[in-house]
C-alpha cells in the first residue's frame, strides 16, 4: 500500500492497513452528522457516543446486546449476539490438545439494501 496508509485493528486485535480516507472515525462521523442535521459538533459527538459506546452500562446498542436483545435498524442491518460452544483445539507451539472455552460474541448482519448499495 502507499505511504499514506494507516494502521487499524480488527475486533480480534489483528492489524489491518487502510489508506487515508477509507476509515471514518467517531469525530468525523460527528462532523458529518452536525453538518447534515444542524446540531453542534459537540452535541453530534454526544449522540454518536450514546449510540455506540462500549463502556459498561452505556451505549444503546451495547446495553441491548447485554440484555440478550437484537437491535435492528430497517434498511441498515441487525446487531445481535451469538454463542460459540467450547471445543477442542491444539496449542500450535507444543501440539498439546487444549480446551477452548465457550464464548459469546457480537455480530452485525447488513440489511439487503446496505449490501446492494455497497456492492454497486
C-alpha atoms as a PDB file:
ATOM      1  CA  UNK A   1       0.000   0.000   0.000  1.00  0.00           C
ATOM      2  CA  UNK A   2       1.008   3.579  -0.337  1.00  0.00           C
ATOM      3  CA  UNK A   3       2.814   5.501   2.369  1.00  0.00           C
ATOM      4  CA  UNK A   4      -0.397   7.318   3.316  1.00  0.00           C
ATOM      5  CA  UNK A   5      -1.802   4.080   4.788  1.00  0.00           C
ATOM      6  CA  UNK A   6      -2.628   3.965   8.480  1.00  0.00           C
ATOM      7  CA  UNK A   7      -2.907   1.033  10.826  1.00  0.00           C
ATOM      8  CA  UNK A   8      -6.287  -0.055  12.139  1.00  0.00           C
ATOM      9  CA  UNK A   9      -7.130  -3.082  14.261  1.00  0.00           C
ATOM     10  CA  UNK A  10      -9.952  -5.574  13.842  1.00  0.00           C
ATOM     11  CA  UNK A  11     -12.102  -6.637  16.793  1.00  0.00           C
ATOM     12  CA  UNK A  12      -9.846  -9.694  17.131  1.00  0.00           C
ATOM     13  CA  UNK A  13      -6.818  -7.396  17.504  1.00  0.00           C
ATOM     14  CA  UNK A  14      -5.424  -8.215  14.066  1.00  0.00           C
ATOM     15  CA  UNK A  15      -3.626  -5.414  12.293  1.00  0.00           C
ATOM     16  CA  UNK A  16      -5.242  -4.078   9.124  1.00  0.00           C
ATOM     17  CA  UNK A  17      -3.786  -1.391   6.880  1.00  0.00           C
ATOM     18  CA  UNK A  18      -6.127   1.164   5.333  1.00  0.00           C
ATOM     19  CA  UNK A  19      -5.489   4.126   3.074  1.00  0.00           C
ATOM     20  CA  UNK A  20      -6.261   7.615   4.329  1.00  0.00           C
ATOM     21  CA  UNK A  21      -9.839   8.475   3.541  1.00  0.00           C
ATOM     22  CA  UNK A  22     -11.026   4.852   3.810  1.00  0.00           C
ATOM     23  CA  UNK A  23     -11.584   4.972   7.571  1.00  0.00           C
ATOM     24  CA  UNK A  24     -14.126   7.308   9.197  1.00  0.00           C
ATOM     25  CA  UNK A  25     -13.768   7.693  12.955  1.00  0.00           C
ATOM     26  CA  UNK A  26     -16.285   8.939  15.551  1.00  0.00           C
ATOM     27  CA  UNK A  27     -15.058  12.527  15.289  1.00  0.00           C
ATOM     28  CA  UNK A  28     -15.533  12.587  11.519  1.00  0.00           C
ATOM     29  CA  UNK A  29     -18.954  10.940  11.861  1.00  0.00           C
ATOM     30  CA  UNK A  30     -19.946  13.627  14.380  1.00  0.00           C
ATOM     31  CA  UNK A  31     -18.827  16.363  11.997  1.00  0.00           C
ATOM     32  CA  UNK A  32     -20.894  14.853   9.167  1.00  0.00           C
ATOM     33  CA  UNK A  33     -23.920  14.416  11.453  1.00  0.00           C
ATOM     34  CA  UNK A  34     -23.638  18.019  12.640  1.00  0.00           C
ATOM     35  CA  UNK A  35     -23.445  19.311   9.080  1.00  0.00           C
ATOM     36  CA  UNK A  36     -26.493  17.285   7.928  1.00  0.00           C
ATOM     37  CA  UNK A  37     -28.712  17.985  10.951  1.00  0.00           C
ATOM     38  CA  UNK A  38     -27.694  21.426  12.175  1.00  0.00           C
ATOM     39  CA  UNK A  39     -26.585  20.050  15.545  1.00  0.00           C
ATOM     40  CA  UNK A  40     -23.406  21.402  17.060  1.00  0.00           C
ATOM     41  CA  UNK A  41     -20.355  19.176  16.651  1.00  0.00           C
ATOM     42  CA  UNK A  42     -20.339  18.637  20.413  1.00  0.00           C
ATOM     43  CA  UNK A  43     -23.993  17.545  20.504  1.00  0.00           C
ATOM     44  CA  UNK A  44     -23.493  15.311  17.449  1.00  0.00           C
ATOM     45  CA  UNK A  45     -20.500  13.665  19.159  1.00  0.00           C
ATOM     46  CA  UNK A  46     -22.654  13.057  22.265  1.00  0.00           C
ATOM     47  CA  UNK A  47     -25.363  11.417  20.152  1.00  0.00           C
ATOM     48  CA  UNK A  48     -22.864   9.106  18.455  1.00  0.00           C
ATOM     49  CA  UNK A  49     -21.304   8.213  21.814  1.00  0.00           C
ATOM     50  CA  UNK A  50     -24.760   7.427  23.280  1.00  0.00           C
ATOM     51  CA  UNK A  51     -25.488   5.018  20.453  1.00  0.00           C
ATOM     52  CA  UNK A  52     -22.082   3.346  20.013  1.00  0.00           C
ATOM     53  CA  UNK A  53     -20.331   3.471  23.408  1.00  0.00           C
ATOM     54  CA  UNK A  54     -18.979   0.160  24.697  1.00  0.00           C
ATOM     55  CA  UNK A  55     -18.353   1.362  28.258  1.00  0.00           C
ATOM     56  CA  UNK A  56     -20.211  -0.781  30.834  1.00  0.00           C
ATOM     57  CA  UNK A  57     -23.832   0.357  31.183  1.00  0.00           C
ATOM     58  CA  UNK A  58     -23.540   2.845  28.319  1.00  0.00           C
ATOM     59  CA  UNK A  59     -24.258   2.785  24.617  1.00  0.00           C
ATOM     60  CA  UNK A  60     -27.754   1.996  23.410  1.00  0.00           C
ATOM     61  CA  UNK A  61     -26.653  -0.862  21.158  1.00  0.00           C
ATOM     62  CA  UNK A  62     -24.310  -2.443  23.732  1.00  0.00           C
ATOM     63  CA  UNK A  63     -26.906  -2.262  26.529  1.00  0.00           C
ATOM     64  CA  UNK A  64     -29.465  -4.045  24.344  1.00  0.00           C
ATOM     65  CA  UNK A  65     -26.935  -6.732  23.387  1.00  0.00           C
ATOM     66  CA  UNK A  66     -26.002  -7.173  27.070  1.00  0.00           C
ATOM     67  CA  UNK A  67     -29.687  -7.830  27.787  1.00  0.00           C
ATOM     68  CA  UNK A  68     -29.786 -10.516  25.088  1.00  0.00           C
ATOM     69  CA  UNK A  69     -31.847  -8.453  22.662  1.00  0.00           C
ATOM     70  CA  UNK A  70     -31.142  -7.744  18.995  1.00  0.00           C
ATOM     71  CA  UNK A  71     -31.037  -4.249  17.527  1.00  0.00           C
ATOM     72  CA  UNK A  72     -32.468  -3.984  14.028  1.00  0.00           C
ATOM     73  CA  UNK A  73     -32.271  -0.787  12.011  1.00  0.00           C
ATOM     74  CA  UNK A  74     -34.526  -1.211   8.974  1.00  0.00           C
ATOM     75  CA  UNK A  75     -32.616  -0.898   5.728  1.00  0.00           C
ATOM     76  CA  UNK A  76     -29.260  -0.819   7.514  1.00  0.00           C
ATOM     77  CA  UNK A  77     -28.797  -4.061   9.427  1.00  0.00           C
ATOM     78  CA  UNK A  78     -29.072  -6.078  12.598  1.00  0.00           C
ATOM     79  CA  UNK A  79     -26.793  -6.247  15.646  1.00  0.00           C
ATOM     80  CA  UNK A  80     -27.005  -9.316  17.850  1.00  0.00           C
ATOM     81  CA  UNK A  81     -25.054 -11.856  19.843  1.00  0.00           C
ATOM     82  CA  UNK A  82     -24.151 -15.457  19.128  1.00  0.00           C
ATOM     83  CA  UNK A  83     -22.630 -18.192  21.227  1.00  0.00           C
ATOM     84  CA  UNK A  84     -19.757 -20.426  20.261  1.00  0.00           C
ATOM     85  CA  UNK A  85     -19.579 -23.760  22.107  1.00  0.00           C
ATOM     86  CA  UNK A  86     -16.479 -24.967  23.905  1.00  0.00           C
ATOM     87  CA  UNK A  87     -14.288 -27.035  21.630  1.00  0.00           C
ATOM     88  CA  UNK A  88     -11.021 -28.884  21.435  1.00  0.00           C
ATOM     89  CA  UNK A  89      -8.000 -27.271  19.854  1.00  0.00           C
ATOM     90  CA  UNK A  90      -4.245 -27.644  19.750  1.00  0.00           C
ATOM     91  CA  UNK A  91      -1.512 -25.394  21.076  1.00  0.00           C
ATOM     92  CA  UNK A  92       0.424 -24.590  17.882  1.00  0.00           C
ATOM     93  CA  UNK A  93       3.720 -24.299  19.757  1.00  0.00           C
ATOM     94  CA  UNK A  94       3.554 -27.657  21.548  1.00  0.00           C
ATOM     95  CA  UNK A  95       0.873 -29.601  19.705  1.00  0.00           C
ATOM     96  CA  UNK A  96      -0.794 -30.251  23.073  1.00  0.00           C
ATOM     97  CA  UNK A  97      -4.586 -30.648  22.973  1.00  0.00           C
ATOM     98  CA  UNK A  98      -6.399 -27.850  24.784  1.00  0.00           C
ATOM     99  CA  UNK A  99      -9.995 -26.936  25.509  1.00  0.00           C
ATOM    100  CA  UNK A 100     -11.095 -23.627  24.038  1.00  0.00           C
ATOM    101  CA  UNK A 101     -13.737 -22.066  26.284  1.00  0.00           C
ATOM    102  CA  UNK A 102     -17.245 -21.236  25.109  1.00  0.00           C
ATOM    103  CA  UNK A 103     -17.650 -17.611  24.088  1.00  0.00           C
ATOM    104  CA  UNK A 104     -20.401 -15.133  23.381  1.00  0.00           C
ATOM    105  CA  UNK A 105     -19.720 -12.549  20.691  1.00  0.00           C
ATOM    106  CA  UNK A 106     -21.429  -9.651  18.938  1.00  0.00           C
ATOM    107  CA  UNK A 107     -22.265  -9.725  15.252  1.00  0.00           C
ATOM    108  CA  UNK A 108     -23.604  -7.341  12.630  1.00  0.00           C
ATOM    109  CA  UNK A 109     -25.588  -8.515   9.612  1.00  0.00           C
ATOM    110  CA  UNK A 110     -26.115  -5.843   6.967  1.00  0.00           C
ATOM    111  CA  UNK A 111     -29.605  -5.469   5.510  1.00  0.00           C
ATOM    112  CA  UNK A 112     -30.212  -6.240   1.857  1.00  0.00           C
ATOM    113  CA  UNK A 113     -30.395  -2.536   0.983  1.00  0.00           C
ATOM    114  CA  UNK A 114     -26.979  -1.832   2.511  1.00  0.00           C
ATOM    115  CA  UNK A 115     -25.424  -4.934   0.929  1.00  0.00           C
ATOM    116  CA  UNK A 116     -26.716  -3.908  -2.511  1.00  0.00           C
ATOM    117  CA  UNK A 117     -25.558  -0.317  -2.145  1.00  0.00           C
ATOM    118  CA  UNK A 118     -22.037  -1.342  -1.137  1.00  0.00           C
ATOM    119  CA  UNK A 119     -21.865  -3.890  -3.961  1.00  0.00           C
ATOM    120  CA  UNK A 120     -22.569  -1.238  -6.622  1.00  0.00           C
END
